[in-house]
Amino acid sequence: MTPRHSSRLFAVCLSVSLTACSSGPPIETEPRLATFGRSAFQSGPIELPANYREADYRRLIMAVAFMEQGARPGEISNEIIQTVSTRLQTEMQKLRRFTIFSLHNRGGVRLVEELHQYGEANVHLPKGEALPPLDLVLTGSLTMSKERQSRYSHDELVYEVECDVSAEDLKTRTVRFAEKAKGRALRTQAVSLSGRQLGGIQEDDERQALFEAAMKALLVLANKLGNTFPIGGRVTGILGDRLTLDKGFDSGIAGKTQMVVYTKVQGVDLPMAMAEAHPGAEATNLTVWRWNTDDPDAKRAIDALRQSPDWLGTHELWAVSAGMPLPPEWEGF
């Protein structure tokens, strides 16, 4: 073999070696969310969401506790685990669909008082300020892990947080929500040609990576919570394609929420339109962008509404969310 051929063979072998070292399935870090914009309702039947109840058309009161399940091998400190657990409870406050009481603050005292009323806690505590009965208690366990994957010029550290949560209705003693979700975050660490790690991962960096992973898991859970407990209200005014709803931002209705407008005909809930929400603090302006004229029963109700100025005085008209947008503070995770 000539030196030239030997050089070419060495180059080919080196190329294959580099490809093998740096290849591998990409690690998915972006959360998969079920989002509901106008495009989701441009065509097809207009249908009411699952689990809608007029009794839930208010800001639900939910107590939240995230508990550390532990960490799989990967040298994650207990202090970081506790920090992430506490931070998740703080972040839940941004879900305006719910009034959150955390077990890590004064709300935890009120929660124990409420549990005592239901016979769930054998404790006596000083009474705090008045609190309406809790609707839900959401408990979640966190399991955290760290995995190192070797590439050619660097190592990838994969941080994973798995949330396993359930929400129980204290009055009915039933579980109304139970889900699992995972979140991942990546960090890189340079390595020398000999494979020696160059520099280390500081504890603050690791804490931030785990918080990022936990937030991605929380995004998925919040997305599912919003779709499990849709928010709505009663329509109190109508002018052409403009409606006024008796619930607003303070009740958990976010901007550009897609809502199903419906009425009640002989005991049957009848979807009449799709509308987009523009909430104020206590009321919401709805803009109807699609009437349900493909449904003959809905079309008769729509025609009657348009022909009678007093229709709203003799009929019920409601609107309910077809999905909950995520808090804008969570964008970027």
Protein backbone atom coordinates (compact mmCIF):
# COMPACT_ATOMS: atom_id res chain seq x y z
CA MET A 1 0.00 0.00 0.00
CA THR A 2 1.40 3.39 -0.99
CA PRO A 3 1.74 6.21 1.60
CA ARG A 4 -0.93 8.15 -0.29
CA HIS A 5 -3.40 5.26 -0.07
CA SER A 6 -2.49 4.74 3.58
CA SER A 7 -3.19 8.42 4.30
CA ARG A 8 -6.60 8.19 2.61
CA LEU A 9 -7.47 5.04 4.56
CA PHE A 10 -6.45 6.73 7.83
CA ALA A 11 -8.66 9.74 6.98
CA VAL A 12 -11.66 7.50 6.25
CA CYS A 13 -11.17 5.56 9.49
CA LEU A 14 -10.82 8.79 11.46
CA SER A 15 -14.02 10.16 9.89
CA VAL A 16 -15.94 7.00 10.80
CA SER A 17 -14.53 7.14 14.32
CA LEU A 18 -15.55 10.76 14.81
CA THR A 19 -19.04 10.06 13.49
CA ALA A 20 -19.45 7.13 15.85
CA CYS A 21 -18.30 9.19 18.83
CA SER A 22 -20.55 12.15 18.12
CA SER A 23 -23.62 10.35 16.78
CA GLY A 24 -26.59 9.17 18.75
CA PRO A 25 -30.27 9.89 18.99
CA PRO A 26 -31.02 13.53 19.84
CA ILE A 27 -32.18 14.10 23.39
CA GLU A 28 -35.64 15.66 23.45
CA THR A 29 -35.82 18.57 25.88
CA GLU A 30 -38.83 20.56 24.66
CA PRO A 31 -42.13 19.76 26.43
CA ARG A 32 -45.02 18.56 24.29
CA LEU A 33 -48.05 20.71 25.00
CA ALA A 34 -51.63 20.57 23.77
CA THR A 35 -52.21 24.14 22.63
CA PHE A 36 -55.50 25.48 21.34
CA GLY A 37 -55.39 28.47 19.02
CA ARG A 38 -57.90 29.47 16.37
CA SER A 39 -56.38 27.06 13.87
CA ALA A 40 -57.51 24.12 16.01
CA PHE A 41 -61.15 25.12 15.54
CA GLN A 42 -61.21 26.46 11.98
CA SER A 43 -63.14 23.43 10.75
CA GLY A 44 -64.95 20.40 12.07
CA PRO A 45 -67.74 20.30 14.63
CA ILE A 46 -67.79 22.78 17.51
CA GLU A 47 -67.88 20.69 20.67
CA LEU A 48 -67.89 21.37 24.38
CA PRO A 49 -64.70 20.38 26.25
CA ALA A 50 -64.58 17.39 28.53
CA ASN A 51 -65.17 17.86 32.27
CA TYR A 52 -66.85 21.28 31.97
CA ARG A 53 -69.12 22.14 34.90
CA GLU A 54 -70.82 25.45 35.64
CA ALA A 55 -70.07 24.85 39.34
CA ASP A 56 -66.33 25.10 38.48
CA TYR A 57 -66.65 28.43 36.65
CA ARG A 58 -64.69 30.25 39.34
CA ARG A 59 -61.15 30.29 40.63
CA LEU A 60 -60.74 26.88 42.27
CA ILE A 61 -58.97 26.69 45.64
CA MET A 62 -56.19 24.12 45.56
CA ALA A 63 -53.59 23.15 48.13
CA VAL A 64 -50.29 21.98 46.63
CA ALA A 65 -47.43 19.93 48.02
CA PHE A 66 -44.45 18.67 46.01
CA MET A 67 -42.40 16.11 47.92
CA GLU A 68 -38.97 14.87 47.01
CA GLN A 69 -39.13 11.20 46.10
CA GLY A 70 -35.37 11.06 45.89
CA ALA A 71 -32.60 11.09 43.33
CA ARG A 72 -31.34 8.22 41.24
CA PRO A 73 -27.57 7.74 41.11
CA GLY A 74 -25.93 10.91 39.90
CA GLU A 75 -24.71 12.74 43.00
CA ILE A 76 -27.53 15.28 43.29
CA SER A 77 -27.47 16.92 46.70
CA ASN A 78 -30.51 16.81 49.01
CA GLU A 79 -30.33 20.58 49.36
CA ILE A 80 -30.90 21.01 45.61
CA ILE A 81 -33.82 18.58 45.68
CA GLN A 82 -35.53 20.55 48.46
CA THR A 83 -34.90 23.85 46.66
CA VAL A 84 -36.50 22.59 43.45
CA SER A 85 -39.52 21.19 45.35
CA THR A 86 -40.14 24.53 47.04
CA ARG A 87 -39.65 26.49 43.83
CA LEU A 88 -42.27 24.43 41.99
CA GLN A 89 -44.86 25.28 44.63
CA THR A 90 -44.03 28.95 44.18
CA GLU A 91 -44.40 28.66 40.40
CA MET A 92 -47.86 27.12 40.78
CA GLN A 93 -49.03 30.51 42.07
CA LYS A 94 -48.79 31.79 38.49
CA LEU A 95 -51.60 29.47 37.38
CA ARG A 96 -54.40 31.98 37.90
CA ARG A 97 -56.93 29.24 37.25
CA PHE A 98 -56.36 28.19 40.87
CA THR A 99 -55.88 29.89 44.22
CA ILE A 100 -52.82 28.05 45.51
CA PHE A 101 -52.01 27.28 49.12
CA SER A 102 -48.55 25.86 49.57
CA LEU A 103 -47.53 23.52 52.37
CA HIS A 104 -44.31 25.56 52.68
CA ASN A 105 -45.97 28.76 53.90
CA ARG A 106 -48.87 30.07 55.97
CA GLY A 107 -51.22 28.46 53.49
CA GLY A 108 -50.01 25.11 54.79
CA VAL A 109 -51.39 25.96 58.23
CA ARG A 110 -54.77 26.77 56.72
CA LEU A 111 -54.63 23.54 54.76
CA VAL A 112 -54.12 21.51 57.91
CA GLU A 113 -57.05 23.34 59.50
CA GLU A 114 -59.22 22.40 56.55
CA LEU A 115 -58.07 18.78 56.61
CA HIS A 116 -58.92 18.69 60.30
CA GLN A 117 -62.48 19.75 59.45
CA TYR A 118 -62.73 16.75 57.12
CA GLY A 119 -61.28 14.43 59.78
CA GLU A 120 -58.02 14.02 57.85
CA ALA A 121 -55.64 15.57 60.40
CA ASN A 122 -55.69 15.05 64.15
CA VAL A 123 -54.23 18.47 65.05
CA HIS A 124 -55.42 21.68 66.70
CA LEU A 125 -53.97 24.95 65.43
CA PRO A 126 -54.82 28.61 66.07
CA LYS A 127 -57.42 29.84 63.65
CA GLY A 128 -56.14 32.07 60.87
CA GLU A 129 -58.18 34.22 58.54
CA ALA A 130 -61.33 32.73 57.05
CA LEU A 131 -60.76 30.34 54.15
CA PRO A 132 -63.48 28.89 51.90
CA PRO A 133 -63.55 25.09 51.75
CA LEU A 134 -60.80 23.65 49.60
CA ASP A 135 -61.79 22.30 46.21
CA LEU A 136 -58.69 20.22 45.52
CA VAL A 137 -55.50 18.99 47.14
CA LEU A 138 -52.73 18.34 44.62
CA THR A 139 -49.80 16.25 45.79
CA GLY A 140 -46.77 15.48 43.67
CA SER A 141 -43.58 13.51 44.05
CA LEU A 142 -40.34 14.45 42.31
CA THR A 143 -37.65 12.05 41.17
CA MET A 144 -34.45 13.56 39.81
CA SER A 145 -31.62 12.01 37.88
CA LYS A 146 -28.42 12.98 36.10
CA GLU A 147 -26.85 11.04 33.23
CA ARG A 148 -23.59 11.65 31.41
CA GLN A 149 -23.32 10.89 27.69
CA SER A 150 -19.95 11.08 25.96
CA ARG A 151 -19.57 12.86 22.63
CA TYR A 152 -16.37 13.45 20.66
CA SER A 153 -15.35 16.88 21.96
CA HIS A 154 -17.58 17.16 25.02
CA ASP A 155 -19.82 15.32 27.46
CA GLU A 156 -23.53 15.98 27.69
CA LEU A 157 -25.09 16.02 31.13
CA VAL A 158 -28.78 15.13 30.95
CA TYR A 159 -30.80 16.31 33.96
CA GLU A 160 -34.26 14.78 34.28
CA VAL A 161 -37.09 15.54 36.69
CA GLU A 162 -40.14 13.29 36.78
CA CYS A 163 -43.33 14.60 38.42
CA ASP A 164 -46.07 12.21 39.51
CA VAL A 165 -49.11 14.16 40.71
CA SER A 166 -52.73 13.59 41.67
CA ALA A 167 -55.49 16.02 42.63
CA GLU A 168 -58.15 14.85 45.05
CA ASP A 169 -61.56 16.34 45.69
CA LEU A 170 -61.84 16.47 49.49
CA LYS A 171 -65.63 16.54 49.51
CA THR A 172 -66.21 13.51 47.29
CA ARG A 173 -62.97 11.69 48.24
CA THR A 174 -62.29 11.07 44.54
CA VAL A 175 -59.19 11.67 42.44
CA ARG A 176 -60.08 14.10 39.65
CA PHE A 177 -56.64 14.37 38.09
CA ALA A 178 -53.65 12.00 37.98
CA GLU A 179 -50.73 12.45 35.58
CA LYS A 180 -47.02 11.94 35.13
CA ALA A 181 -44.67 14.23 33.28
CA LYS A 182 -40.94 14.42 32.60
CA GLY A 183 -38.73 17.40 31.94
CA ARG A 184 -35.13 17.40 30.70
CA ALA A 185 -32.33 19.93 30.55
CA LEU A 186 -28.90 19.63 28.93
CA ARG A 187 -25.54 20.95 30.00
CA THR A 188 -22.20 20.40 28.27
CA GLN A 189 -18.75 19.82 29.71
CA ALA A 190 -15.61 20.10 27.60
CA VAL A 191 -13.21 17.15 27.45
CA SER A 192 -9.66 16.90 26.20
CA LEU A 193 -8.53 14.62 23.37
CA SER A 194 -7.44 12.14 26.02
CA GLY A 195 -10.95 12.14 27.49
CA ARG A 196 -10.13 14.20 30.60
CA GLN A 197 -12.96 16.47 31.78
CA LEU A 198 -12.07 20.15 31.57
CA GLY A 199 -13.71 22.06 34.39
CA GLY A 200 -16.60 20.97 36.54
CA ILE A 201 -20.28 21.69 37.03
CA GLN A 202 -20.89 24.06 39.92
CA GLU A 203 -23.73 23.40 42.36
CA ASP A 204 -25.54 26.58 41.28
CA ASP A 205 -25.36 25.42 37.65
CA GLU A 206 -26.73 22.03 38.62
CA ARG A 207 -29.53 23.60 40.64
CA GLN A 208 -30.50 25.78 37.68
CA ALA A 209 -30.43 22.79 35.29
CA LEU A 210 -32.71 20.78 37.57
CA PHE A 211 -35.05 23.73 38.00
CA GLU A 212 -35.22 24.11 34.22
CA ALA A 213 -36.04 20.40 33.87
CA ALA A 214 -38.65 20.63 36.64
CA MET A 215 -40.29 23.65 35.00
CA LYS A 216 -40.62 21.76 31.72
CA ALA A 217 -42.38 18.94 33.57
CA LEU A 218 -44.60 21.50 35.29
CA LEU A 219 -45.50 23.04 31.92
CA VAL A 220 -46.91 19.70 30.80
CA LEU A 221 -48.82 19.19 34.06
CA ALA A 222 -50.23 22.73 34.05
CA ASN A 223 -51.29 22.30 30.45
CA LYS A 224 -53.17 19.12 31.36
CA LEU A 225 -54.65 20.70 34.50
CA GLY A 226 -56.07 23.56 32.48
CA ASN A 227 -57.64 21.17 30.03
CA THR A 228 -59.07 19.03 32.85
CA PHE A 229 -60.66 21.98 34.67
CA PRO A 230 -61.92 24.41 32.00
CA ILE A 231 -62.96 27.89 33.14
CA GLY A 232 -66.08 29.66 31.97
CA GLY A 233 -68.88 32.00 32.91
CA ARG A 234 -72.26 33.40 31.99
CA VAL A 235 -72.73 35.80 29.09
CA THR A 236 -74.36 39.01 30.35
CA GLY A 237 -74.33 41.12 27.21
CA ILE A 238 -74.37 40.72 23.44
CA LEU A 239 -73.96 43.09 20.50
CA GLY A 240 -73.57 41.40 17.12
CA ASP A 241 -70.42 39.30 17.36
CA ARG A 242 -69.36 40.85 20.69
CA LEU A 243 -70.21 39.28 24.02
CA THR A 244 -69.52 40.13 27.66
CA LEU A 245 -68.66 37.38 30.13
CA ASP A 246 -69.11 37.74 33.89
CA LYS A 247 -65.63 36.30 34.63
CA GLY A 248 -62.24 37.87 33.97
CA PHE A 249 -58.52 37.65 34.50
CA ASP A 250 -58.93 37.35 38.27
CA SER A 251 -60.94 34.15 37.74
CA GLY A 252 -58.29 32.56 35.54
CA ILE A 253 -59.30 33.54 32.00
CA ALA A 254 -56.16 34.38 30.03
CA GLY A 255 -55.86 36.53 26.93
CA LYS A 256 -56.70 34.91 23.60
CA THR A 257 -58.29 31.88 25.25
CA GLN A 258 -60.50 30.07 22.76
CA MET A 259 -63.97 29.59 24.23
CA VAL A 260 -67.06 27.63 23.25
CA VAL A 261 -70.25 29.70 23.55
CA TYR A 262 -73.28 27.54 24.32
CA THR A 263 -76.90 27.77 25.37
CA LYS A 264 -79.36 25.39 26.97
CA VAL A 265 -82.32 24.13 24.94
CA GLN A 266 -84.78 21.80 26.69
CA GLY A 267 -82.06 20.64 29.08
CA VAL A 268 -79.47 20.11 26.33
CA ASP A 269 -76.23 22.11 26.18
CA LEU A 270 -75.95 23.34 22.60
CA PRO A 271 -72.66 24.82 21.26
CA MET A 272 -73.40 27.99 19.30
CA ALA A 273 -70.04 29.57 18.47
CA MET A 274 -66.28 29.83 18.95
CA ALA A 275 -65.01 33.06 20.48
CA GLU A 276 -61.70 34.56 21.58
CA ALA A 277 -61.30 36.07 25.05
CA HIS A 278 -59.95 39.53 25.86
CA PRO A 279 -60.23 39.61 29.66
CA GLY A 280 -60.36 42.48 32.08
CA ALA A 281 -59.97 41.99 35.81
CA GLU A 282 -63.57 40.98 36.54
CA ALA A 283 -65.20 40.62 33.10
CA THR A 284 -64.18 39.46 29.64
CA ASN A 285 -64.93 40.72 26.16
CA LEU A 286 -65.52 37.85 23.76
CA THR A 287 -65.24 38.16 20.00
CA VAL A 288 -67.15 35.49 18.08
CA TRP A 289 -65.18 34.45 15.03
CA ARG A 290 -67.14 31.34 14.03
CA TRP A 291 -70.85 30.65 14.45
CA ASN A 292 -72.01 27.03 14.55
CA THR A 293 -74.33 27.36 11.56
CA ASP A 294 -73.44 23.86 10.29
CA ASP A 295 -75.50 22.38 13.12
CA PRO A 296 -79.22 22.79 12.29
CA ASP A 297 -80.28 22.99 15.96
CA ALA A 298 -77.60 25.58 16.70
CA LYS A 299 -78.53 27.55 13.57
CA ARG A 300 -82.15 27.86 14.75
CA ALA A 301 -80.94 29.19 18.10
CA ILE A 302 -78.53 31.60 16.37
CA ASP A 303 -81.30 32.91 14.09
CA ALA A 304 -83.59 33.42 17.09
CA LEU A 305 -80.84 35.28 18.96
CA ARG A 306 -80.23 37.61 16.01
CA GLN A 307 -83.93 38.30 15.47
CA SER A 308 -84.87 39.04 19.09
CA PRO A 309 -83.22 41.91 21.01
CA ASP A 310 -84.55 40.41 24.27
CA TRP A 311 -83.28 36.86 23.59
CA LEU A 312 -80.64 37.04 26.33
CA GLY A 313 -83.28 37.99 28.88
CA THR A 314 -85.16 34.73 28.40
CA HIS A 315 -82.34 32.31 27.57
CA GLU A 316 -79.11 31.16 29.24
CA LEU A 317 -75.89 31.79 27.36
CA TRP A 318 -72.54 30.50 28.65
CA ALA A 319 -68.94 30.30 27.47
CA VAL A 320 -66.26 27.80 28.53
CA SER A 321 -62.57 27.57 27.69
CA ALA A 322 -61.38 25.05 25.12
CA GLY A 323 -57.91 24.96 26.68
CA MET A 324 -55.86 27.06 29.10
CA PRO A 325 -52.97 29.15 27.79
CA LEU A 326 -49.82 28.96 29.91
CA PRO A 327 -48.65 31.91 32.01
CA PRO A 328 -46.45 34.26 29.95
CA GLU A 329 -43.84 34.10 32.74
CA TRP A 330 -43.21 30.49 31.76
CA GLU A 331 -42.26 31.26 28.17
CA GLY A 332 -38.70 30.28 27.38
CA PHE A 333 -38.57 27.04 29.38
